[in-house]
Amino acid sequence: MAAAMPTSLETLQAQVLGLSKADRARLLDRLVESLDAETDVDREWDRIAEARDAELATGSVEPVLLDDAMKRLKSQFPG
C-alpha cells in the first residue's frame, strides 16, 4: 500500500468548496469543535478559577480592587 501524498492547502480548499453546503457546515462544526477542545491546562485554569470563586463566596479571602492590584504589580515590576 502506497503512502498517501500530502495534500496542499489549496487542494484541500478546492475539495472542501466542492462539498454541499450541508457538508461544509458539518465540517465547519467539527473544525471549530477541534479548536475549542479543552486541554489539561484549560481544565486546570478552570479548577483554579472555581476554587478562587469559592474562596471569595465563603469570605475566606477578601477581593482586591483592580486599581489596587495594578498598583502592587507596578511597584513590584517597575518599567
N, C-alpha and C. Protein backbone atom coordinates (compact mmCIF):
# COMPACT_ATOMS: atom_id res chain seq x y z
N MET A 1 0.85 -1.19 0.00
CA MET A 1 0.00 0.00 0.00
C MET A 1 0.89 1.24 0.00
N ALA A 2 0.68 2.13 -0.93
CA ALA A 2 1.49 3.34 -1.04
C ALA A 2 1.06 4.36 0.01
N ALA A 3 2.04 5.13 0.47
CA ALA A 3 1.74 6.19 1.44
C ALA A 3 0.97 7.30 0.75
N ALA A 4 0.04 7.88 1.46
CA ALA A 4 -0.76 8.98 0.91
C ALA A 4 0.12 10.20 0.70
N MET A 5 -0.09 10.87 -0.40
CA MET A 5 0.65 12.10 -0.68
C MET A 5 0.07 13.21 0.16
N PRO A 6 0.92 14.08 0.69
CA PRO A 6 0.39 15.20 1.47
C PRO A 6 -0.49 16.09 0.59
N THR A 7 -1.57 16.58 1.18
CA THR A 7 -2.50 17.44 0.45
C THR A 7 -2.15 18.90 0.73
N SER A 8 -2.00 19.67 -0.33
CA SER A 8 -1.72 21.08 -0.14
C SER A 8 -2.98 21.78 0.34
N LEU A 9 -2.80 22.89 0.98
CA LEU A 9 -3.94 23.67 1.47
C LEU A 9 -4.86 24.06 0.33
N GLU A 10 -4.28 24.43 -0.80
CA GLU A 10 -5.09 24.84 -1.94
C GLU A 10 -5.94 23.68 -2.46
N THR A 11 -5.35 22.49 -2.52
CA THR A 11 -6.09 21.31 -2.98
C THR A 11 -7.21 20.97 -2.01
N LEU A 12 -6.90 21.01 -0.73
CA LEU A 12 -7.89 20.72 0.29
C LEU A 12 -9.03 21.74 0.25
N GLN A 13 -8.67 23.00 0.08
CA GLN A 13 -9.69 24.05 0.00
C GLN A 13 -10.61 23.82 -1.20
N ALA A 14 -10.05 23.46 -2.32
CA ALA A 14 -10.86 23.21 -3.51
C ALA A 14 -11.80 22.03 -3.28
N GLN A 15 -11.30 20.99 -2.59
CA GLN A 15 -12.15 19.84 -2.31
C GLN A 15 -13.29 20.23 -1.36
N VAL A 16 -12.97 20.99 -0.34
CA VAL A 16 -13.98 21.41 0.63
C VAL A 16 -15.03 22.28 -0.04
N LEU A 17 -14.60 23.21 -0.87
CA LEU A 17 -15.56 24.09 -1.55
C LEU A 17 -16.44 23.32 -2.54
N GLY A 18 -16.00 22.14 -2.92
CA GLY A 18 -16.81 21.30 -3.80
C GLY A 18 -17.88 20.51 -3.07
N LEU A 19 -17.85 20.54 -1.76
CA LEU A 19 -18.86 19.84 -0.96
C LEU A 19 -20.17 20.62 -0.96
N SER A 20 -21.23 19.92 -0.62
CA SER A 20 -22.52 20.60 -0.49
C SER A 20 -22.46 21.57 0.70
N LYS A 21 -23.39 22.51 0.71
CA LYS A 21 -23.45 23.48 1.80
C LYS A 21 -23.62 22.77 3.14
N ALA A 22 -24.46 21.74 3.19
CA ALA A 22 -24.70 21.00 4.43
C ALA A 22 -23.42 20.29 4.90
N ASP A 23 -22.68 19.68 3.97
CA ASP A 23 -21.44 19.00 4.34
C ASP A 23 -20.38 20.00 4.79
N ARG A 24 -20.32 21.17 4.13
CA ARG A 24 -19.36 22.20 4.57
C ARG A 24 -19.71 22.67 5.97
N ALA A 25 -21.00 22.82 6.27
CA ALA A 25 -21.44 23.25 7.60
C ALA A 25 -21.03 22.22 8.65
N ARG A 26 -21.22 20.92 8.34
CA ARG A 26 -20.82 19.87 9.28
C ARG A 26 -19.31 19.88 9.50
N LEU A 27 -18.58 20.05 8.41
CA LEU A 27 -17.13 20.11 8.51
C LEU A 27 -16.69 21.30 9.35
N LEU A 28 -17.32 22.44 9.12
CA LEU A 28 -17.00 23.64 9.89
C LEU A 28 -17.25 23.41 11.38
N ASP A 29 -18.38 22.80 11.71
CA ASP A 29 -18.68 22.49 13.12
C ASP A 29 -17.59 21.63 13.73
N ARG A 30 -17.15 20.62 13.00
CA ARG A 30 -16.10 19.72 13.51
C ARG A 30 -14.77 20.46 13.67
N LEU A 31 -14.45 21.33 12.72
CA LEU A 31 -13.19 22.08 12.82
C LEU A 31 -13.21 23.03 14.01
N VAL A 32 -14.31 23.75 14.19
CA VAL A 32 -14.43 24.68 15.32
C VAL A 32 -14.36 23.90 16.63
N GLU A 33 -15.04 22.77 16.68
CA GLU A 33 -15.01 21.93 17.88
C GLU A 33 -13.58 21.48 18.19
N SER A 34 -12.81 21.15 17.16
CA SER A 34 -11.44 20.70 17.39
C SER A 34 -10.55 21.84 17.92
N LEU A 35 -10.87 23.07 17.55
CA LEU A 35 -10.10 24.21 18.06
C LEU A 35 -10.48 24.54 19.49
N ASP A 36 -11.72 24.25 19.86
CA ASP A 36 -12.20 24.57 21.19
C ASP A 36 -11.97 23.45 22.19
N ALA A 37 -11.36 22.35 21.76
CA ALA A 37 -11.15 21.22 22.65
C ALA A 37 -10.33 21.66 23.86
N GLU A 38 -10.85 21.30 25.03
CA GLU A 38 -10.16 21.68 26.27
C GLU A 38 -8.87 20.90 26.42
N THR A 39 -7.87 21.58 26.87
CA THR A 39 -6.61 20.94 27.17
C THR A 39 -6.51 20.77 28.67
N ASP A 40 -5.50 20.03 29.10
CA ASP A 40 -5.28 19.86 30.53
C ASP A 40 -5.03 21.22 31.19
N VAL A 41 -4.36 22.11 30.48
CA VAL A 41 -4.08 23.44 31.02
C VAL A 41 -5.38 24.21 31.22
N ASP A 42 -6.27 24.14 30.23
CA ASP A 42 -7.56 24.82 30.35
C ASP A 42 -8.34 24.30 31.55
N ARG A 43 -8.35 22.97 31.69
CA ARG A 43 -9.08 22.38 32.82
C ARG A 43 -8.48 22.81 34.15
N GLU A 44 -7.16 22.91 34.22
CA GLU A 44 -6.51 23.34 35.46
C GLU A 44 -6.85 24.79 35.78
N TRP A 45 -6.84 25.66 34.75
CA TRP A 45 -7.22 27.06 34.99
C TRP A 45 -8.67 27.16 35.44
N ASP A 46 -9.54 26.33 34.87
CA ASP A 46 -10.94 26.31 35.30
C ASP A 46 -11.04 25.89 36.77
N ARG A 47 -10.26 24.87 37.16
CA ARG A 47 -10.27 24.40 38.54
C ARG A 47 -9.80 25.50 39.49
N ILE A 48 -8.74 26.20 39.11
CA ILE A 48 -8.20 27.29 39.94
C ILE A 48 -9.23 28.42 40.06
N ALA A 49 -9.87 28.78 38.95
CA ALA A 49 -10.87 29.85 38.96
C ALA A 49 -12.05 29.48 39.84
N GLU A 50 -12.49 28.24 39.76
CA GLU A 50 -13.62 27.79 40.58
C GLU A 50 -13.24 27.80 42.06
N ALA A 51 -12.02 27.39 42.38
CA ALA A 51 -11.56 27.39 43.77
C ALA A 51 -11.48 28.83 44.29
N ARG A 52 -10.97 29.72 43.48
CA ARG A 52 -10.87 31.13 43.87
C ARG A 52 -12.26 31.73 44.07
N ASP A 53 -13.18 31.41 43.19
CA ASP A 53 -14.55 31.89 43.31
C ASP A 53 -15.19 31.39 44.60
N ALA A 54 -14.93 30.13 44.94
CA ALA A 54 -15.48 29.57 46.18
C ALA A 54 -14.87 30.27 47.40
N GLU A 55 -13.59 30.58 47.35
CA GLU A 55 -12.94 31.31 48.46
C GLU A 55 -13.58 32.68 48.64
N LEU A 56 -13.85 33.35 47.54
CA LEU A 56 -14.48 34.66 47.63
C LEU A 56 -15.91 34.54 48.16
N ALA A 57 -16.62 33.51 47.72
CA ALA A 57 -18.02 33.33 48.13
C ALA A 57 -18.13 33.02 49.62
N THR A 58 -17.19 32.28 50.16
CA THR A 58 -17.24 31.92 51.59
C THR A 58 -16.64 32.99 52.48
N GLY A 59 -15.96 33.95 51.87
CA GLY A 59 -15.34 35.02 52.66
C GLY A 59 -14.00 34.62 53.25
N SER A 60 -13.43 33.49 52.81
CA SER A 60 -12.12 33.09 53.34
C SER A 60 -11.00 33.96 52.79
N VAL A 61 -11.27 34.68 51.72
CA VAL A 61 -10.33 35.69 51.19
C VAL A 61 -11.12 36.93 50.85
N GLU A 62 -10.46 38.06 50.84
CA GLU A 62 -11.09 39.34 50.51
C GLU A 62 -10.75 39.70 49.07
N PRO A 63 -11.71 40.23 48.34
CA PRO A 63 -11.41 40.67 46.98
C PRO A 63 -10.48 41.88 46.99
N VAL A 64 -9.72 42.02 45.91
CA VAL A 64 -8.81 43.15 45.75
C VAL A 64 -9.29 43.95 44.56
N LEU A 65 -9.44 45.26 44.71
CA LEU A 65 -9.84 46.11 43.60
C LEU A 65 -8.76 46.09 42.52
N LEU A 66 -9.19 46.17 41.27
CA LEU A 66 -8.24 46.14 40.16
C LEU A 66 -7.18 47.23 40.28
N ASP A 67 -7.60 48.44 40.63
CA ASP A 67 -6.63 49.55 40.75
C ASP A 67 -5.57 49.22 41.80
N ASP A 68 -5.98 48.64 42.93
CA ASP A 68 -5.03 48.27 43.98
C ASP A 68 -4.08 47.18 43.50
N ALA A 69 -4.62 46.19 42.81
CA ALA A 69 -3.79 45.10 42.30
C ALA A 69 -2.78 45.63 41.29
N MET A 70 -3.21 46.53 40.42
CA MET A 70 -2.30 47.10 39.42
C MET A 70 -1.20 47.92 40.08
N LYS A 71 -1.54 48.67 41.12
CA LYS A 71 -0.53 49.46 41.84
C LYS A 71 0.52 48.54 42.45
N ARG A 72 0.06 47.44 43.06
CA ARG A 72 1.00 46.47 43.66
C ARG A 72 1.92 45.88 42.60
N LEU A 73 1.34 45.49 41.48
CA LEU A 73 2.15 44.90 40.42
C LEU A 73 3.17 45.89 39.86
N LYS A 74 2.71 47.13 39.65
CA LYS A 74 3.63 48.14 39.11
C LYS A 74 4.77 48.45 40.08
N SER A 75 4.49 48.39 41.40
CA SER A 75 5.55 48.65 42.35
C SER A 75 6.53 47.47 42.42
N GLN A 76 6.03 46.25 42.18
CA GLN A 76 6.91 45.08 42.19
C GLN A 76 7.67 44.91 40.89
N PHE A 77 7.10 45.38 39.80
CA PHE A 77 7.69 45.21 38.48
C PHE A 77 7.71 46.55 37.75
N PRO A 78 8.55 47.48 38.21
CA PRO A 78 8.57 48.80 37.57
C PRO A 78 9.10 48.71 36.13
N GLY A 79 8.64 49.68 35.33
CA GLY A 79 9.16 49.77 33.97
C GLY A 79 8.24 49.22 33.02
